[in-house]
PDB file of N, CA and C in Angstrom:
ATOM      1  N   MET A   1       6.210   0.227 -19.428  1.00  0.00           N
ATOM      2  CA  MET A   1       5.051  -0.635 -19.305  1.00  0.00           C
ATOM      3  C   MET A   1       5.315  -1.792 -18.337  1.00  0.00           C
ATOM      4  N   THR A   2       6.503  -2.378 -18.399  1.00  0.00           N
ATOM      5  CA  THR A   2       6.808  -3.490 -17.492  1.00  0.00           C
ATOM      6  C   THR A   2       6.873  -3.022 -16.046  1.00  0.00           C
ATOM      7  N   SER A   3       7.325  -1.786 -15.806  1.00  0.00           N
ATOM      8  CA  SER A   3       7.361  -1.284 -14.436  1.00  0.00           C
ATOM      9  C   SER A   3       5.942  -1.082 -13.901  1.00  0.00           C
ATOM     10  N   LEU A   4       5.019  -0.700 -14.785  1.00  0.00           N
ATOM     11  CA  LEU A   4       3.625  -0.539 -14.387  1.00  0.00           C
ATOM     12  C   LEU A   4       3.016  -1.894 -14.016  1.00  0.00           C
ATOM     13  N   ILE A   5       3.309  -2.901 -14.799  1.00  0.00           N
ATOM     14  CA  ILE A   5       2.823  -4.253 -14.506  1.00  0.00           C
ATOM     15  C   ILE A   5       3.426  -4.749 -13.197  1.00  0.00           C
ATOM     16  N   PHE A   6       4.720  -4.534 -12.999  1.00  0.00           N
ATOM     17  CA  PHE A   6       5.390  -4.926 -11.763  1.00  0.00           C
ATOM     18  C   PHE A   6       4.752  -4.225 -10.571  1.00  0.00           C
ATOM     19  N   HIS A   7       4.491  -2.932 -10.715  1.00  0.00           N
ATOM     20  CA  HIS A   7       3.901  -2.132  -9.644  1.00  0.00           C
ATOM     21  C   HIS A   7       2.548  -2.705  -9.212  1.00  0.00           C
ATOM     22  N   TYR A   8       1.682  -2.966 -10.153  1.00  0.00           N
ATOM     23  CA  TYR A   8       0.350  -3.464  -9.810  1.00  0.00           C
ATOM     24  C   TYR A   8       0.367  -4.923  -9.380  1.00  0.00           C
ATOM     25  N   CYS A   9       1.313  -5.702  -9.864  1.00  0.00           N
ATOM     26  CA  CYS A   9       1.469  -7.071  -9.358  1.00  0.00           C
ATOM     27  C   CYS A   9       1.861  -7.036  -7.877  1.00  0.00           C
ATOM     28  N   LEU A  10       2.715  -6.099  -7.505  1.00  0.00           N
ATOM     29  CA  LEU A  10       3.066  -5.952  -6.092  1.00  0.00           C
ATOM     30  C   LEU A  10       1.839  -5.578  -5.261  1.00  0.00           C
ATOM     31  N   HIS A  11       1.018  -4.686  -5.776  1.00  0.00           N
ATOM     32  CA  HIS A  11      -0.187  -4.265  -5.051  1.00  0.00           C
ATOM     33  C   HIS A  11      -1.146  -5.433  -4.834  1.00  0.00           C
ATOM     34  N   ILE A  12      -1.171  -6.373  -5.761  1.00  0.00           N
ATOM     35  CA  ILE A  12      -2.122  -7.480  -5.669  1.00  0.00           C
ATOM     36  C   ILE A  12      -1.522  -8.697  -4.982  1.00  0.00           C
ATOM     37  N   PHE A  13      -0.300  -9.069  -5.356  1.00  0.00           N
ATOM     38  CA  PHE A  13       0.254 -10.334  -4.878  1.00  0.00           C
ATOM     39  C   PHE A  13       1.040 -10.235  -3.572  1.00  0.00           C
ATOM     40  N   LEU A  14       1.659  -9.112  -3.276  1.00  0.00           N
ATOM     41  CA  LEU A  14       2.392  -8.981  -2.015  1.00  0.00           C
ATOM     42  C   LEU A  14       1.448  -9.116  -0.817  1.00  0.00           C
ATOM     43  N   PRO A  15       0.308  -8.419  -0.789  1.00  0.00           N
ATOM     44  CA  PRO A  15      -0.626  -8.639   0.326  1.00  0.00           C
ATOM     45  C   PRO A  15      -1.168 -10.072   0.370  1.00  0.00           C
ATOM     46  N   LEU A  16      -1.377 -10.685  -0.789  1.00  0.00           N
ATOM     47  CA  LEU A  16      -1.866 -12.066  -0.827  1.00  0.00           C
ATOM     48  C   LEU A  16      -0.860 -13.013  -0.184  1.00  0.00           C
ATOM     49  N   ILE A  17       0.399 -12.856  -0.535  1.00  0.00           N
ATOM     50  CA  ILE A  17       1.448 -13.712   0.035  1.00  0.00           C
ATOM     51  C   ILE A  17       1.541 -13.522   1.545  1.00  0.00           C
ATOM     52  N   ILE A  18       1.522 -12.271   2.002  1.00  0.00           N
ATOM     53  CA  ILE A  18       1.595 -11.990   3.441  1.00  0.00           C
ATOM     54  C   ILE A  18       0.372 -12.565   4.154  1.00  0.00           C
ATOM     55  N   ALA A  19      -0.814 -12.405   3.570  1.00  0.00           N
ATOM     56  CA  ALA A  19      -2.042 -12.922   4.188  1.00  0.00           C
ATOM     57  C   ALA A  19      -1.990 -14.442   4.316  1.00  0.00           C
ATOM     58  N   ILE A  20      -1.536 -15.117   3.281  1.00  0.00           N
ATOM     59  CA  ILE A  20      -1.486 -16.581   3.311  1.00  0.00           C
ATOM     60  C   ILE A  20      -0.411 -17.071   4.281  1.00  0.00           C
ATOM     61  N   LEU A  21       0.747 -16.427   4.280  1.00  0.00           N
ATOM     62  CA  LEU A  21       1.842 -16.884   5.137  1.00  0.00           C
ATOM     63  C   LEU A  21       1.616 -16.619   6.620  1.00  0.00           C
ATOM     64  N   PHE A  22       1.081 -15.450   6.961  1.00  0.00           N
ATOM     65  CA  PHE A  22       1.023 -15.042   8.361  1.00  0.00           C
ATOM     66  C   PHE A  22      -0.379 -15.054   8.979  1.00  0.00           C
ATOM     67  N   PHE A  23      -1.399 -15.172   8.168  1.00  0.00           N
ATOM     68  CA  PHE A  23      -2.773 -15.173   8.679  1.00  0.00           C
ATOM     69  C   PHE A  23      -3.528 -16.355   8.073  1.00  0.00           C
ATOM     70  N   LYS A  24      -2.967 -17.559   8.226  1.00  0.00           N
ATOM     71  CA  LYS A  24      -3.483 -18.748   7.542  1.00  0.00           C
ATOM     72  C   LYS A  24      -4.970 -18.991   7.788  1.00  0.00           C
ATOM     73  N   LYS A  25      -5.406 -18.819   9.019  1.00  0.00           N
ATOM     74  CA  LYS A  25      -6.799 -19.120   9.369  1.00  0.00           C
ATOM     75  C   LYS A  25      -7.777 -18.147   8.695  1.00  0.00           C
ATOM     76  N   ASP A  26      -7.445 -16.872   8.695  1.00  0.00           N
ATOM     77  CA  ASP A  26      -8.339 -15.837   8.174  1.00  0.00           C
ATOM     78  C   ASP A  26      -7.764 -15.146   6.942  1.00  0.00           C
ATOM     79  N   TRP A  27      -7.004 -15.855   6.127  1.00  0.00           N
ATOM     80  CA  TRP A  27      -6.265 -15.188   5.057  1.00  0.00           C
ATOM     81  C   TRP A  27      -7.172 -14.469   4.070  1.00  0.00           C
ATOM     82  N   LYS A  28      -8.370 -14.974   3.807  1.00  0.00           N
ATOM     83  CA  LYS A  28      -9.256 -14.320   2.839  1.00  0.00           C
ATOM     84  C   LYS A  28      -9.735 -12.966   3.359  1.00  0.00           C
ATOM     85  N   LYS A  29     -10.130 -12.927   4.624  1.00  0.00           N
ATOM     86  CA  LYS A  29     -10.585 -11.668   5.223  1.00  0.00           C
ATOM     87  C   LYS A  29      -9.433 -10.677   5.316  1.00  0.00           C
ATOM     88  N   VAL A  30      -8.266 -11.156   5.713  1.00  0.00           N
ATOM     89  CA  VAL A  30      -7.086 -10.300   5.822  1.00  0.00           C
ATOM     90  C   VAL A  30      -6.702  -9.751   4.459  1.00  0.00           C
ATOM     91  N   TYR A  31      -6.725 -10.588   3.444  1.00  0.00           N
ATOM     92  CA  TYR A  31      -6.388 -10.145   2.090  1.00  0.00           C
ATOM     93  C   TYR A  31      -7.370  -9.090   1.602  1.00  0.00           C
ATOM     94  N   LEU A  32      -8.649  -9.278   1.875  1.00  0.00           N
ATOM     95  CA  LEU A  32      -9.657  -8.291   1.474  1.00  0.00           C
ATOM     96  C   LEU A  32      -9.404  -6.947   2.156  1.00  0.00           C
ATOM     97  N   ILE A  33      -9.106  -6.988   3.441  1.00  0.00           N
ATOM     98  CA  ILE A  33      -8.809  -5.743   4.165  1.00  0.00           C
ATOM     99  C   ILE A  33      -7.587  -5.057   3.558  1.00  0.00           C
ATOM    100  N   MET A  34      -6.553  -5.844   3.252  1.00  0.00           N
ATOM    101  CA  MET A  34      -5.342  -5.265   2.662  1.00  0.00           C
ATOM    102  C   MET A  34      -5.626  -4.686   1.278  1.00  0.00           C
ATOM    103  N   LEU A  35      -6.485  -5.316   0.517  1.00  0.00           N
ATOM    104  CA  LEU A  35      -6.855  -4.757  -0.788  1.00  0.00           C
ATOM    105  C   LEU A  35      -7.619  -3.451  -0.621  1.00  0.00           C
ATOM    106  N   LEU A  36      -8.439  -3.374   0.425  1.00  0.00           N
ATOM    107  CA  LEU A  36      -9.200  -2.148   0.671  1.00  0.00           C
ATOM    108  C   LEU A  36      -8.298  -0.977   1.044  1.00  0.00           C
ATOM    109  N   THR A  37      -7.083  -1.259   1.515  1.00  0.00           N
ATOM    110  CA  THR A  37      -6.166  -0.165   1.842  1.00  0.00           C
ATOM    111  C   THR A  37      -5.701   0.574   0.593  1.00  0.00           C
ATOM    112  N   MET A  38      -6.010   0.039  -0.582  1.00  0.00           N
ATOM    113  CA  MET A  38      -5.666   0.757  -1.811  1.00  0.00           C
ATOM    114  C   MET A  38      -6.457   2.048  -1.946  1.00  0.00           C
ATOM    115  N   ALA A  39      -7.492   2.197  -1.129  1.00  0.00           N
ATOM    116  CA  ALA A  39      -8.262   3.443  -1.130  1.00  0.00           C
ATOM    117  C   ALA A  39      -7.391   4.624  -0.726  1.00  0.00           C
ATOM    118  N   VAL A  40      -6.224   4.358  -0.154  1.00  0.00           N
ATOM    119  CA  VAL A  40      -5.294   5.433   0.201  1.00  0.00           C
ATOM    120  C   VAL A  40      -4.877   6.210  -1.053  1.00  0.00           C
ATOM    121  N   ASP A  41      -5.034   5.615  -2.204  1.00  0.00           N
ATOM    122  CA  ASP A  41      -4.678   6.292  -3.453  1.00  0.00           C
ATOM    123  C   ASP A  41      -5.675   7.374  -3.849  1.00  0.00           C
ATOM    124  N   LEU A  42      -6.741   7.535  -3.086  1.00  0.00           N
ATOM    125  CA  LEU A  42      -7.688   8.615  -3.375  1.00  0.00           C
ATOM    126  C   LEU A  42      -7.021   9.984  -3.254  1.00  0.00           C
ATOM    127  N   ASP A  43      -5.922  10.053  -2.498  1.00  0.00           N
ATOM    128  CA  ASP A  43      -5.224  11.340  -2.384  1.00  0.00           C
ATOM    129  C   ASP A  43      -4.560  11.744  -3.697  1.00  0.00           C
ATOM    130  N   HIS A  44      -4.490  10.849  -4.653  1.00  0.00           N
ATOM    131  CA  HIS A  44      -3.957  11.199  -5.972  1.00  0.00           C
ATOM    132  C   HIS A  44      -4.887  12.185  -6.679  1.00  0.00           C
ATOM    133  N   LEU A  45      -6.144  12.180  -6.278  1.00  0.00           N
ATOM    134  CA  LEU A  45      -7.110  13.105  -6.894  1.00  0.00           C
ATOM    135  C   LEU A  45      -6.816  14.559  -6.545  1.00  0.00           C
ATOM    136  N   LEU A  46      -5.996  14.791  -5.529  1.00  0.00           N
ATOM    137  CA  LEU A  46      -5.634  16.143  -5.135  1.00  0.00           C
ATOM    138  C   LEU A  46      -4.497  16.720  -5.981  1.00  0.00           C
ATOM    139  N   ALA A  47      -3.820  15.863  -6.735  1.00  0.00           N
ATOM    140  CA  ALA A  47      -2.657  16.294  -7.521  1.00  0.00           C
ATOM    141  C   ALA A  47      -3.098  16.831  -8.878  1.00  0.00           C
ATOM    142  N   ASN A  48      -2.238  17.673  -9.430  1.00  0.00           N
ATOM    143  CA  ASN A  48      -2.481  18.209 -10.766  1.00  0.00           C
ATOM    144  C   ASN A  48      -1.211  18.041 -11.585  1.00  0.00           C
ATOM    145  N   PRO A  49      -1.161  17.169 -12.560  1.00  0.00           N
ATOM    146  CA  PRO A  49      -2.210  16.296 -13.039  1.00  0.00           C
ATOM    147  C   PRO A  49      -2.450  15.131 -12.065  1.00  0.00           C
ATOM    148  N   ILE A  50      -3.615  14.517 -12.156  1.00  0.00           N
ATOM    149  CA  ILE A  50      -3.963  13.418 -11.255  1.00  0.00           C
ATOM    150  C   ILE A  50      -2.984  12.266 -11.425  1.00  0.00           C
ATOM    151  N   TYR A  51      -2.641  11.931 -12.668  1.00  0.00           N
ATOM    152  CA  TYR A  51      -1.688  10.845 -12.926  1.00  0.00           C
ATOM    153  C   TYR A  51      -0.542  11.377 -13.756  1.00  0.00           C
ATOM    154  N   GLN A  52       0.646  11.037 -13.317  1.00  0.00           N
ATOM    155  CA  GLN A  52       1.859  11.359 -14.081  1.00  0.00           C
ATOM    156  C   GLN A  52       2.751  10.136 -14.004  1.00  0.00           C
ATOM    157  N   ALA A  53       3.064   9.557 -15.134  1.00  0.00           N
ATOM    158  CA  ALA A  53       3.739   8.261 -15.196  1.00  0.00           C
ATOM    159  C   ALA A  53       5.061   8.229 -14.439  1.00  0.00           C
ATOM    160  N   ASP A  54       5.833   9.292 -14.489  1.00  0.00           N
ATOM    161  CA  ASP A  54       7.165   9.267 -13.886  1.00  0.00           C
ATOM    162  C   ASP A  54       7.216   9.880 -12.486  1.00  0.00           C
ATOM    163  N   ARG A  55       6.061  10.097 -11.870  1.00  0.00           N
ATOM    164  CA  ARG A  55       6.029  10.724 -10.548  1.00  0.00           C
ATOM    165  C   ARG A  55       6.150   9.674  -9.450  1.00  0.00           C
ATOM    166  N   CYS A  56       6.976   9.969  -8.467  1.00  0.00           N
ATOM    167  CA  CYS A  56       7.111   9.139  -7.275  1.00  0.00           C
ATOM    168  C   CYS A  56       6.046   9.598  -6.267  1.00  0.00           C
ATOM    169  N   SER A  57       5.162   8.696  -5.886  1.00  0.00           N
ATOM    170  CA  SER A  57       4.067   9.045  -4.972  1.00  0.00           C
ATOM    171  C   SER A  57       4.542   9.317  -3.555  1.00  0.00           C
ATOM    172  N   ILE A  58       5.643   8.676  -3.174  1.00  0.00           N
ATOM    173  CA  ILE A  58       6.123   8.786  -1.792  1.00  0.00           C
ATOM    174  C   ILE A  58       6.527  10.231  -1.507  1.00  0.00           C
ATOM    175  N   ASN A  59       5.925  10.777  -0.472  1.00  0.00           N
ATOM    176  CA  ASN A  59       6.118  12.145   0.010  1.00  0.00           C
ATOM    177  C   ASN A  59       5.647  13.199  -0.999  1.00  0.00           C
ATOM    178  N   PHE A  60       4.852  12.791  -1.980  1.00  0.00           N
ATOM    179  CA  PHE A  60       4.245  13.760  -2.891  1.00  0.00           C
ATOM    180  C   PHE A  60       2.772  13.966  -2.531  1.00  0.00           C
ATOM    181  N   HIS A  61       2.075  12.881  -2.304  1.00  0.00           N
ATOM    182  CA  HIS A  61       0.664  12.931  -1.929  1.00  0.00           C
ATOM    183  C   HIS A  61       0.550  12.908  -0.406  1.00  0.00           C
ATOM    184  N   PRO A  62      -0.485  13.557   0.150  1.00  0.00           N
ATOM    185  CA  PRO A  62      -0.603  13.652   1.614  1.00  0.00           C
ATOM    186  C   PRO A  62      -0.628  12.306   2.344  1.00  0.00           C
ATOM    187  N   LEU A  63      -1.364  11.337   1.821  1.00  0.00           N
ATOM    188  CA  LEU A  63      -1.439  10.037   2.488  1.00  0.00           C
ATOM    189  C   LEU A  63      -0.253   9.129   2.158  1.00  0.00           C
ATOM    190  N   HIS A  64       0.675   9.648   1.381  1.00  0.00           N
ATOM    191  CA  HIS A  64       1.913   8.937   1.057  1.00  0.00           C
ATOM    192  C   HIS A  64       3.123   9.663   1.665  1.00  0.00           C
ATOM    193  N   SER A  65       2.880  10.576   2.584  1.00  0.00           N
ATOM    194  CA  SER A  65       3.963  11.356   3.202  1.00  0.00           C
ATOM    195  C   SER A  65       4.738  10.493   4.198  1.00  0.00           C
ATOM    196  N   TYR A  66       5.919  10.937   4.541  1.00  0.00           N
ATOM    197  CA  TYR A  66       6.732  10.210   5.517  1.00  0.00           C
ATOM    198  C   TYR A  66       6.019  10.116   6.856  1.00  0.00           C
ATOM    199  N   TYR A  67       5.292  11.170   7.232  1.00  0.00           N
ATOM    200  CA  TYR A  67       4.546  11.155   8.494  1.00  0.00           C
ATOM    201  C   TYR A  67       3.440  10.103   8.464  1.00  0.00           C
ATOM    202  N   ALA A  68       2.716  10.049   7.363  1.00  0.00           N
ATOM    203  CA  ALA A  68       1.648   9.060   7.225  1.00  0.00           C
ATOM    204  C   ALA A  68       2.225   7.644   7.238  1.00  0.00           C
ATOM    205  N   ILE A  69       3.344   7.449   6.560  1.00  0.00           N
ATOM    206  CA  ILE A  69       3.978   6.128   6.527  1.00  0.00           C
ATOM    207  C   ILE A  69       4.407   5.715   7.931  1.00  0.00           C
ATOM    208  N   ALA A  70       4.889   6.655   8.724  1.00  0.00           N
ATOM    209  CA  ALA A  70       5.258   6.352  10.111  1.00  0.00           C
ATOM    210  C   ALA A  70       4.033   5.905  10.902  1.00  0.00           C
ATOM    211  N   VAL A  71       2.900   6.552  10.692  1.00  0.00           N
ATOM    212  CA  VAL A  71       1.656   6.155  11.370  1.00  0.00           C
ATOM    213  C   VAL A  71       1.245   4.756  10.924  1.00  0.00           C
ATOM    214  N   TYR A  72       1.351   4.468   9.635  1.00  0.00           N
ATOM    215  CA  TYR A  72       0.990   3.139   9.130  1.00  0.00           C
ATOM    216  C   TYR A  72       1.886   2.071   9.755  1.00  0.00           C
ATOM    217  N   PHE A  73       3.163   2.375   9.871  1.00  0.00           N
ATOM    218  CA  PHE A  73       4.102   1.425  10.465  1.00  0.00           C
ATOM    219  C   PHE A  73       3.741   1.161  11.929  1.00  0.00           C
ATOM    220  N   ILE A  74       3.449   2.210  12.670  1.00  0.00           N
ATOM    221  CA  ILE A  74       3.067   2.058  14.077  1.00  0.00           C
ATOM    222  C   ILE A  74       1.754   1.279  14.198  1.00  0.00           C
ATOM    223  N   MET A  75       0.814   1.547  13.291  1.00  0.00           N
ATOM    224  CA  MET A  75      -0.464   0.822  13.298  1.00  0.00           C
ATOM    225  C   MET A  75      -0.276  -0.680  13.150  1.00  0.00           C
ATOM    226  N   SER A  76       0.762  -1.087  12.446  1.00  0.00           N
ATOM    227  CA  SER A  76       0.971  -2.518  12.204  1.00  0.00           C
ATOM    228  C   SER A  76       1.300  -3.284  13.487  1.00  0.00           C
ATOM    229  N   PHE A  77       1.552  -2.574  14.596  1.00  0.00           N
ATOM    230  CA  PHE A  77       1.830  -3.217  15.879  1.00  0.00           C
ATOM    231  C   PHE A  77       0.619  -3.197  16.814  1.00  0.00           C
ATOM    232  N   PHE A  78      -0.501  -2.608  16.365  1.00  0.00           N
ATOM    233  CA  PHE A  78      -1.722  -2.573  17.169  1.00  0.00           C
ATOM    234  C   PHE A  78      -2.437  -3.919  17.097  1.00  0.00           C
ATOM    235  N   LYS A  79      -3.529  -4.021  17.832  1.00  0.00           N
ATOM    236  CA  LYS A  79      -4.356  -5.227  17.773  1.00  0.00           C
ATOM    237  C   LYS A  79      -5.213  -5.195  16.522  1.00  0.00           C
ATOM    238  N   ARG A  80      -5.726  -6.373  16.181  1.00  0.00           N
ATOM    239  CA  ARG A  80      -6.603  -6.485  15.020  1.00  0.00           C
ATOM    240  C   ARG A  80      -7.812  -5.596  15.177  1.00  0.00           C
ATOM    241  N   PRO A  81      -8.361  -5.031  14.159  1.00  0.00           N
ATOM    242  CA  PRO A  81      -7.988  -5.094  12.748  1.00  0.00           C
ATOM    243  C   PRO A  81      -6.984  -4.014  12.351  1.00  0.00           C
ATOM    244  N   PHE A  82      -6.594  -3.172  13.320  1.00  0.00           N
ATOM    245  CA  PHE A  82      -5.705  -2.056  12.989  1.00  0.00           C
ATOM    246  C   PHE A  82      -4.355  -2.524  12.469  1.00  0.00           C
ATOM    247  N   ASN A  83      -3.852  -3.649  12.993  1.00  0.00           N
ATOM    248  CA  ASN A  83      -2.563  -4.135  12.504  1.00  0.00           C
ATOM    249  C   ASN A  83      -2.650  -4.578  11.048  1.00  0.00           C
ATOM    250  N   ILE A  84      -3.774  -5.163  10.663  1.00  0.00           N
ATOM    251  CA  ILE A  84      -3.940  -5.601   9.273  1.00  0.00           C
ATOM    252  C   ILE A  84      -3.996  -4.393   8.346  1.00  0.00           C
ATOM    253  N   VAL A  85      -4.723  -3.365   8.760  1.00  0.00           N
ATOM    254  CA  VAL A  85      -4.783  -2.132   7.971  1.00  0.00           C
ATOM    255  C   VAL A  85      -3.391  -1.509   7.869  1.00  0.00           C
ATOM    256  N   GLY A  86      -2.681  -1.447   8.994  1.00  0.00           N
ATOM    257  CA  GLY A  86      -1.324  -0.895   8.999  1.00  0.00           C
ATOM    258  C   GLY A  86      -0.384  -1.670   8.099  1.00  0.00           C
ATOM    259  N   ILE A  87      -0.436  -2.987   8.175  1.00  0.00           N
ATOM    260  CA  ILE A  87       0.423  -3.821   7.322  1.00  0.00           C
ATOM    261  C   ILE A  87       0.058  -3.612   5.857  1.00  0.00           C
ATOM    262  N   GLY A  88      -1.233  -3.568   5.565  1.00  0.00           N
ATOM    263  CA  GLY A  88      -1.664  -3.336   4.182  1.00  0.00           C
ATOM    264  C   GLY A  88      -1.179  -2.004   3.646  1.00  0.00           C
ATOM    265  N   LEU A  89      -1.229  -0.972   4.490  1.00  0.00           N
ATOM    266  CA  LEU A  89      -0.768   0.357   4.053  1.00  0.00           C
ATOM    267  C   LEU A  89       0.749   0.388   3.885  1.00  0.00           C
ATOM    268  N   VAL A  90       1.464  -0.283   4.766  1.00  0.00           N
ATOM    269  CA  VAL A  90       2.931  -0.343   4.621  1.00  0.00           C
ATOM    270  C   VAL A  90       3.294  -1.086   3.339  1.00  0.00           C
ATOM    271  N   LEU A  91       2.614  -2.198   3.067  1.00  0.00           N
ATOM    272  CA  LEU A  91       2.873  -2.931   1.822  1.00  0.00           C
ATOM    273  C   LEU A  91       2.540  -2.079   0.605  1.00  0.00           C
ATOM    274  N   HIS A  92       1.487  -1.296   0.706  1.00  0.00           N
ATOM    275  CA  HIS A  92       1.120  -0.387  -0.378  1.00  0.00           C
ATOM    276  C   HIS A  92       2.232   0.634  -0.628  1.00  0.00           C
ATOM    277  N   MET A  93       2.787   1.176   0.448  1.00  0.00           N
ATOM    278  CA  MET A  93       3.864   2.166   0.303  1.00  0.00           C
ATOM    279  C   MET A  93       5.126   1.510  -0.271  1.00  0.00           C
ATOM    280  N   ILE A  94       5.380   0.262   0.097  1.00  0.00           N
ATOM    281  CA  ILE A  94       6.529  -0.457  -0.479  1.00  0.00           C
ATOM    282  C   ILE A  94       6.325  -0.626  -1.983  1.00  0.00           C
ATOM    283  N   ALA A  95       5.115  -0.994  -2.381  1.00  0.00           N
ATOM    284  CA  ALA A  95       4.830  -1.129  -3.820  1.00  0.00           C
ATOM    285  C   ALA A  95       4.989   0.207  -4.531  1.00  0.00           C
ATOM    286  N   ASP A  96       4.497   1.298  -3.900  1.00  0.00           N
ATOM    287  CA  ASP A  96       4.633   2.625  -4.513  1.00  0.00           C
ATOM    288  C   ASP A  96       6.087   3.091  -4.549  1.00  0.00           C
ATOM    289  N   LEU A  97       6.871   2.643  -3.599  1.00  0.00           N
ATOM    290  CA  LEU A  97       8.284   3.025  -3.554  1.00  0.00           C
ATOM    291  C   LEU A  97       9.043   2.519  -4.777  1.00  0.00           C
ATOM    292  N   THR A  98       8.595   1.411  -5.342  1.00  0.00           N
ATOM    293  CA  THR A  98       9.283   0.885  -6.529  1.00  0.00           C
ATOM    294  C   THR A  98       9.238   1.857  -7.693  1.00  0.00           C
ATOM    295  N   ASP A  99       8.185   2.681  -7.756  1.00  0.00           N
ATOM    296  CA  ASP A  99       8.095   3.684  -8.829  1.00  0.00           C
ATOM    297  C   ASP A  99       9.185   4.755  -8.712  1.00  0.00           C
ATOM    298  N   CYS A 100       9.726   4.910  -7.539  1.00  0.00           N
ATOM    299  CA  CYS A 100      10.753   5.935  -7.322  1.00  0.00           C
ATOM    300  C   CYS A 100      12.112   5.480  -7.851  1.00  0.00           C
ATOM    301  N   PHE A 101      12.278   4.202  -8.114  1.00  0.00           N
ATOM    302  CA  PHE A 101      13.573   3.679  -8.532  1.00  0.00           C
ATOM    303  C   PHE A 101      13.592   3.139  -9.943  1.00  0.00           C
ATOM    304  N   ILE A 102      12.438   2.798 -10.482  1.00  0.00           N
ATOM    305  CA  ILE A 102      12.400   2.198 -11.821  1.00  0.00           C
ATOM    306  C   ILE A 102      12.256   3.273 -12.868  1.00  0.00           C
TER     307      ILE A 102
END
């Protein structure tokens, strides 16, 4: 249960911290965009079962594959708004990566 709380706290607070620290002027808009990147979890609907507590999402779901993560990382170097989306997706993958170790 504590790992689940930690996981979702990372999904909510890590993008908030990054938005406030690095995008001071537009932090609210940046944070909203980063929260919207959670839609990447829609690929969980393709799995059977849809949710499994001990499953590591990284390289299991299509939008969590190593190839997709590489694209997200490259996107983070593009111009706005693509860099914000890329950073949000990379932060999302970092949060999901914690499930692989806990």
